[in-house]
Amino acid sequence: MTRLPAVSLAAVPGRRMAILEIAREVERRGFPGVYGPSLSDNLALCEAIALVTERLEIGTTITPIYTRNVNDFAQTVGFIHEVSGGRFRFGIGVSHEPAMKRIGVTQGKPLADMRKFVEDLRAVPRAGEMPPIVLATLRDRMIRLAEEIAEGMVFANGARSYMSHSLAQLSETARTGGSFFIGNMIPTVISDDEQAAMAVNRRTLTSYATLPNYRNYWKAAGYEQEMADVEKALAAGDMEGVAASLSDRWLADTTLAGNASKVRDGIEAWFDAGITTPIIVPSAVQGGQMKALQEFFDIWD
């Protein structure tokens, strides 16, 4: 039996109605879910998808916890949880310092902030039942916190070879019981020109390599040399050097690229690594999100 991944959808201005039709198509084709990244308003997207689908799981992966008042969050996610019939997961994270600085937010301590947010969210009165909460995870302590206070966790750009270590932070029940959500957002490009596909993924992840928390994670995952080279390039202001430092070995461990057979095999490998919900984040060698989504659908026909 083929194990199908979930799909990442972003509500791009000017194409929002088209994205809702894509969500319907995802459901018609039997994929398990749609998850919205922190581009645009992913909560609004989840609400809209809830109203135009019947079975599709939906969620945010992720919503930064600092962008709204916790009372406002509770009212919104309680509403989506109710109207979706329990199909919604509220994925949350502390995001990254540069992104938060751009909107005038000063971050605190990630673990303490996440714990307090979840406690405060669940304590908001008259918001209705809260949805399952999924924490954005990379490092070990956040993974352990996810099992302690939430109903799931989600990586973005995780290293497949390091998942045995990461998932060992969870109890056997969380890993295998089926009720604890374990996801990973996987940049994916489908093309017979594998080198061109890899180049797209390398461009996508170059900005992530500028973030210290990601570099620390990838160092722990066994990519010390790549990250040392990235840091040397950053110190020199050389963004091309940053991209060049991201090895093919690293790229194969964090992304999917190539023809239909290779990508399908790669998705199976992510399932085998313990990620129960691989979330495909599609890009295209030529064209935007809509072209990439069609290329993704085509590999299952």
Protein backbone atom coordinates (compact mmCIF):
# COMPACT_ATOMS: atom_id res chain seq x y z
CA MET A 1 0.00 0.00 0.00
CA THR A 2 1.38 3.39 -1.01
CA ARG A 3 1.82 5.80 1.87
CA LEU A 4 0.82 9.28 0.73
CA PRO A 5 2.34 12.47 2.17
CA ALA A 6 0.59 15.66 3.16
CA VAL A 7 1.01 18.84 1.13
CA SER A 8 2.08 22.36 2.06
CA LEU A 9 -0.07 25.16 0.63
CA ALA A 10 0.47 28.90 0.96
CA ALA A 11 -2.30 31.46 0.43
CA VAL A 12 -0.54 33.65 -2.13
CA PRO A 13 -2.33 36.98 -2.74
CA GLY A 14 -4.26 36.94 -6.00
CA ARG A 15 -4.46 33.13 -6.08
CA ARG A 16 -6.33 32.40 -2.89
CA MET A 17 -9.43 30.97 -4.55
CA ALA A 18 -7.20 28.82 -6.74
CA ILE A 19 -5.47 27.49 -3.62
CA LEU A 20 -8.83 26.47 -2.18
CA GLU A 21 -9.52 24.50 -5.36
CA ILE A 22 -6.10 22.86 -4.99
CA ALA A 23 -7.08 21.85 -1.45
CA ARG A 24 -10.22 20.21 -2.85
CA GLU A 25 -8.04 18.40 -5.38
CA VAL A 26 -5.71 17.22 -2.61
CA GLU A 27 -8.74 15.75 -0.85
CA ARG A 28 -10.14 14.17 -4.03
CA ARG A 29 -6.80 12.48 -4.68
CA GLY A 30 -6.70 10.95 -1.21
CA PHE A 31 -3.76 12.78 0.31
CA PRO A 32 -4.11 12.97 4.08
CA GLY A 33 -3.72 16.66 4.76
CA VAL A 34 -2.80 20.23 3.90
CA TYR A 35 -0.57 22.33 6.13
CA GLY A 36 0.03 26.05 5.80
CA PRO A 37 3.46 27.58 6.41
CA SER A 38 3.87 30.96 8.07
CA LEU A 39 3.54 32.81 4.77
CA SER A 40 0.53 35.13 4.61
CA ASP A 41 -2.32 34.23 7.01
CA ASN A 42 -2.22 30.47 7.43
CA LEU A 43 -5.01 30.50 10.02
CA ALA A 44 -7.36 32.17 7.53
CA LEU A 45 -6.30 29.58 4.96
CA CYS A 46 -7.07 26.72 7.34
CA GLU A 47 -10.47 28.20 8.13
CA ALA A 48 -11.33 28.51 4.46
CA ILE A 49 -10.12 24.99 3.65
CA ALA A 50 -12.16 23.61 6.55
CA LEU A 51 -15.29 25.03 4.95
CA VAL A 52 -14.66 23.67 1.44
CA THR A 53 -13.48 20.14 2.34
CA GLU A 54 -14.92 17.27 4.35
CA ARG A 55 -12.17 14.82 5.31
CA LEU A 56 -8.85 16.60 4.80
CA GLU A 57 -6.65 17.17 7.83
CA ILE A 58 -5.52 20.79 8.06
CA GLY A 59 -3.03 22.65 10.15
CA THR A 60 -0.49 25.42 10.52
CA THR A 61 3.18 24.54 10.27
CA ILE A 62 3.75 26.87 11.80
CA THR A 63 2.18 30.02 13.24
CA PRO A 64 4.63 32.19 15.23
CA ILE A 65 3.33 32.62 18.77
CA TYR A 66 4.30 36.30 18.96
CA THR A 67 2.15 37.66 16.14
CA ARG A 68 -1.19 37.91 17.98
CA ASN A 69 -2.56 38.22 21.47
CA VAL A 70 -3.11 34.79 22.98
CA ASN A 71 -6.81 35.53 23.53
CA ASP A 72 -7.22 36.30 19.85
CA PHE A 73 -5.40 33.12 18.92
CA ALA A 74 -7.66 31.07 21.21
CA GLN A 75 -10.86 32.45 19.70
CA THR A 76 -9.62 31.83 16.15
CA VAL A 77 -8.28 28.32 16.63
CA GLY A 78 -11.26 27.30 18.72
CA PHE A 79 -13.50 28.39 15.86
CA ILE A 80 -11.49 26.49 13.23
CA HIS A 81 -11.38 23.40 15.42
CA GLU A 82 -15.16 23.45 15.79
CA VAL A 83 -16.16 24.16 12.19
CA SER A 84 -13.65 21.65 10.83
CA GLY A 85 -15.11 18.88 12.93
CA GLY A 86 -11.83 18.32 14.73
CA ARG A 87 -9.67 18.12 11.59
CA PHE A 88 -7.45 21.08 12.54
CA ARG A 89 -4.03 21.05 14.25
CA PHE A 90 -2.56 24.28 15.59
CA GLY A 91 1.13 24.18 14.78
CA ILE A 92 3.08 26.85 16.66
CA GLY A 93 6.67 27.97 16.99
CA VAL A 94 8.90 30.79 18.13
CA SER A 95 10.02 31.48 14.53
CA HIS A 96 13.42 33.14 14.02
CA GLU A 97 14.89 36.31 15.43
CA PRO A 98 15.37 38.12 12.06
CA ALA A 99 11.75 37.46 11.06
CA MET A 100 10.42 38.66 14.39
CA LYS A 101 12.63 41.74 14.41
CA ARG A 102 11.13 42.78 11.07
CA ILE A 103 7.71 43.03 12.75
CA GLY A 104 9.02 44.66 15.90
CA VAL A 105 8.94 41.61 18.17
CA THR A 106 11.65 40.81 20.70
CA GLN A 107 11.81 37.11 21.46
CA GLY A 108 12.31 35.68 24.90
CA LYS A 109 13.52 32.21 25.81
CA PRO A 110 12.03 29.68 23.36
CA LEU A 111 11.23 26.87 25.78
CA ALA A 112 9.80 29.13 28.47
CA ASP A 113 7.83 31.21 25.95
CA MET A 114 6.37 28.12 24.32
CA ARG A 115 5.35 26.59 27.63
CA LYS A 116 3.67 29.81 28.79
CA PHE A 117 1.88 30.31 25.48
CA VAL A 118 0.36 26.84 25.56
CA GLU A 119 -0.71 27.26 29.18
CA ASP A 120 -2.24 30.67 28.47
CA LEU A 121 -3.99 29.47 25.30
CA ARG A 122 -5.71 26.63 27.10
CA ALA A 123 -6.78 28.95 29.92
CA VAL A 124 -8.63 31.47 27.72
CA PRO A 125 -12.31 31.43 28.73
CA ARG A 126 -15.27 31.04 26.36
CA ALA A 127 -13.13 30.10 23.34
CA GLY A 128 -14.46 26.59 23.00
CA GLU A 129 -12.46 23.38 22.85
CA MET A 130 -8.87 23.88 21.77
CA PRO A 131 -7.43 21.91 18.84
CA PRO A 132 -4.47 19.56 19.16
CA ILE A 133 -1.29 21.62 19.48
CA VAL A 134 1.85 20.82 17.49
CA LEU A 135 5.20 22.37 18.40
CA ALA A 136 7.85 23.35 15.88
CA THR A 137 10.91 21.32 16.80
CA LEU A 138 14.56 20.98 15.88
CA ARG A 139 16.67 20.38 18.98
CA ASP A 140 16.22 17.77 21.69
CA ARG A 141 14.76 19.91 24.48
CA MET A 142 11.95 21.25 22.29
CA ILE A 143 11.15 17.71 21.17
CA ARG A 144 10.83 16.59 24.77
CA LEU A 145 8.69 19.65 25.56
CA ALA A 146 6.39 18.78 22.66
CA GLU A 147 5.57 15.41 24.20
CA GLU A 148 5.13 17.00 27.63
CA ILE A 149 2.72 19.79 26.73
CA ALA A 150 1.42 19.21 23.20
CA GLU A 151 -0.10 16.63 20.87
CA GLY A 152 2.59 16.60 18.25
CA MET A 153 5.72 18.09 16.74
CA VAL A 154 6.84 19.19 13.32
CA PHE A 155 10.26 19.75 11.83
CA ALA A 156 11.09 21.92 8.85
CA ASN A 157 14.11 20.92 6.78
CA GLY A 158 15.02 18.14 9.19
CA ALA A 159 17.90 15.79 8.41
CA ARG A 160 16.61 12.30 7.69
CA SER A 161 19.81 10.62 8.87
CA TYR A 162 19.43 12.32 12.27
CA MET A 163 15.80 11.37 12.85
CA SER A 164 16.71 8.24 14.80
CA HIS A 165 18.42 10.49 17.34
CA SER A 166 15.64 13.09 17.38
CA LEU A 167 12.81 10.61 17.71
CA ALA A 168 14.65 8.78 20.48
CA GLN A 169 13.81 11.81 22.65
CA LEU A 170 10.19 10.65 22.59
CA SER A 171 8.62 7.82 24.49
CA GLU A 172 7.74 4.63 22.65
CA THR A 173 4.07 5.53 22.99
CA ALA A 174 4.55 8.88 21.27
CA ARG A 175 6.67 7.36 18.51
CA THR A 176 4.41 4.47 17.68
CA GLY A 177 1.02 5.03 19.29
CA GLY A 178 -0.44 6.90 16.35
CA SER A 179 -2.00 9.79 18.27
CA PHE A 180 1.11 12.00 18.55
CA PHE A 181 1.67 13.97 15.34
CA ILE A 182 5.20 13.68 13.89
CA GLY A 183 5.69 15.79 10.78
CA ASN A 184 8.45 17.28 8.68
CA MET A 185 8.28 19.95 5.99
CA ILE A 186 10.38 18.69 3.07
CA PRO A 187 11.44 21.02 0.21
CA THR A 188 10.70 19.05 -2.95
CA VAL A 189 11.41 19.63 -6.64
CA ILE A 190 10.32 17.08 -9.25
CA SER A 191 12.28 17.12 -12.51
CA ASP A 192 14.15 14.73 -14.76
CA ASP A 193 16.98 17.26 -14.53
CA GLU A 194 18.11 16.31 -11.03
CA GLN A 195 20.89 18.88 -10.87
CA ALA A 196 18.46 21.67 -11.73
CA ALA A 197 16.05 20.38 -9.09
CA MET A 198 18.80 20.29 -6.48
CA ALA A 199 19.79 23.85 -7.40
CA VAL A 200 16.26 25.04 -6.63
CA ASN A 201 16.31 23.35 -3.24
CA ARG A 202 19.74 24.79 -2.52
CA ARG A 203 18.41 28.30 -3.20
CA THR A 204 15.40 27.61 -0.99
CA LEU A 205 17.54 26.54 1.96
CA THR A 206 20.31 29.11 1.66
CA SER A 207 18.35 31.59 3.79
CA TYR A 208 17.81 28.93 6.47
CA ALA A 209 21.57 28.36 6.61
CA THR A 210 21.98 31.98 7.72
CA LEU A 211 20.02 31.21 10.92
CA PRO A 212 22.11 30.14 13.95
CA ASN A 213 19.51 27.72 15.32
CA TYR A 214 19.40 25.82 12.04
CA ARG A 215 23.19 25.75 11.76
CA ASN A 216 23.47 24.38 15.29
CA TYR A 217 20.95 21.67 14.46
CA TRP A 218 22.72 20.67 11.26
CA LYS A 219 26.08 20.62 13.05
CA ALA A 220 24.62 18.18 15.56
CA ALA A 221 23.27 16.14 12.64
CA GLY A 222 26.80 15.62 11.31
CA TYR A 223 27.32 18.57 8.98
CA GLU A 224 29.96 20.43 10.98
CA GLN A 225 32.16 21.18 7.97
CA GLU A 226 29.32 22.49 5.84
CA MET A 227 28.13 24.80 8.60
CA ALA A 228 31.68 25.98 9.37
CA ASP A 229 32.04 26.89 5.70
CA VAL A 230 28.68 28.67 5.81
CA GLU A 231 29.81 30.73 8.81
CA LYS A 232 33.04 31.65 7.09
CA ALA A 233 31.10 32.81 4.02
CA LEU A 234 28.65 34.78 6.19
CA ALA A 235 31.52 36.54 7.95
CA ALA A 236 32.81 37.58 4.53
CA GLY A 237 29.37 38.74 3.36
CA ASP A 238 29.48 36.12 0.61
CA MET A 239 25.97 34.74 0.05
CA GLU A 240 27.08 32.81 -3.01
CA GLY A 241 29.64 31.17 -0.78
CA VAL A 242 26.89 30.25 1.67
CA ALA A 243 25.01 28.41 -1.08
CA ALA A 244 28.19 26.75 -2.34
CA SER A 245 28.88 25.43 1.17
CA LEU A 246 25.69 23.38 1.19
CA SER A 247 26.92 20.00 -0.03
CA ASP A 248 25.00 17.54 -2.19
CA ARG A 249 25.18 15.06 0.71
CA TRP A 250 23.50 17.56 3.04
CA LEU A 251 20.92 18.45 0.40
CA ALA A 252 19.99 14.80 -0.16
CA ASP A 253 19.46 14.43 3.59
CA THR A 254 17.15 17.44 3.97
CA THR A 255 15.27 17.72 0.66
CA LEU A 256 13.82 15.68 -2.20
CA ALA A 257 14.86 16.27 -5.80
CA GLY A 258 14.69 14.31 -9.03
CA ASN A 259 12.30 12.32 -11.15
CA ALA A 260 9.00 10.80 -10.07
CA SER A 261 10.49 7.49 -8.98
CA LYS A 262 13.25 9.08 -6.92
CA VAL A 263 10.86 11.46 -5.13
CA ARG A 264 8.36 8.69 -4.35
CA ASP A 265 11.20 6.53 -3.01
CA GLY A 266 12.41 9.49 -0.95
CA ILE A 267 8.97 9.96 0.59
CA GLU A 268 8.95 6.27 1.56
CA ALA A 269 12.37 6.75 3.17
CA TRP A 270 10.97 9.59 5.29
CA PHE A 271 8.12 7.36 6.46
CA ASP A 272 10.64 4.64 7.27
CA ALA A 273 12.69 7.17 9.27
CA GLY A 274 9.74 7.63 11.62
CA ILE A 275 8.09 10.75 10.19
CA THR A 276 4.44 9.73 10.20
CA THR A 277 3.36 12.81 8.22
CA PRO A 278 5.89 13.94 5.62
CA ILE A 279 4.72 17.33 4.33
CA ILE A 280 5.83 18.08 0.78
CA VAL A 281 6.79 21.72 0.14
CA PRO A 282 6.79 21.83 -3.66
CA SER A 283 8.86 24.09 -5.89
CA ALA A 284 9.47 23.89 -9.63
CA VAL A 285 12.53 24.26 -11.82
CA GLN A 286 10.44 26.60 -13.95
CA GLY A 287 7.23 28.16 -12.66
CA GLY A 288 5.67 28.91 -9.31
CA GLN A 289 3.60 27.12 -6.69
CA MET A 290 0.80 26.08 -9.04
CA LYS A 291 3.22 24.48 -11.52
CA ALA A 292 5.03 22.71 -8.69
CA LEU A 293 1.77 21.34 -7.30
CA GLN A 294 0.74 19.99 -10.70
CA GLU A 295 4.13 18.29 -11.06
CA PHE A 296 3.60 16.74 -7.63
CA PHE A 297 0.12 15.46 -8.56
CA ASP A 298 1.48 14.02 -11.82
CA ILE A 299 3.92 11.64 -10.11
CA TRP A 300 0.97 9.70 -8.62
CA ASP A 301 -0.96 9.30 -11.89
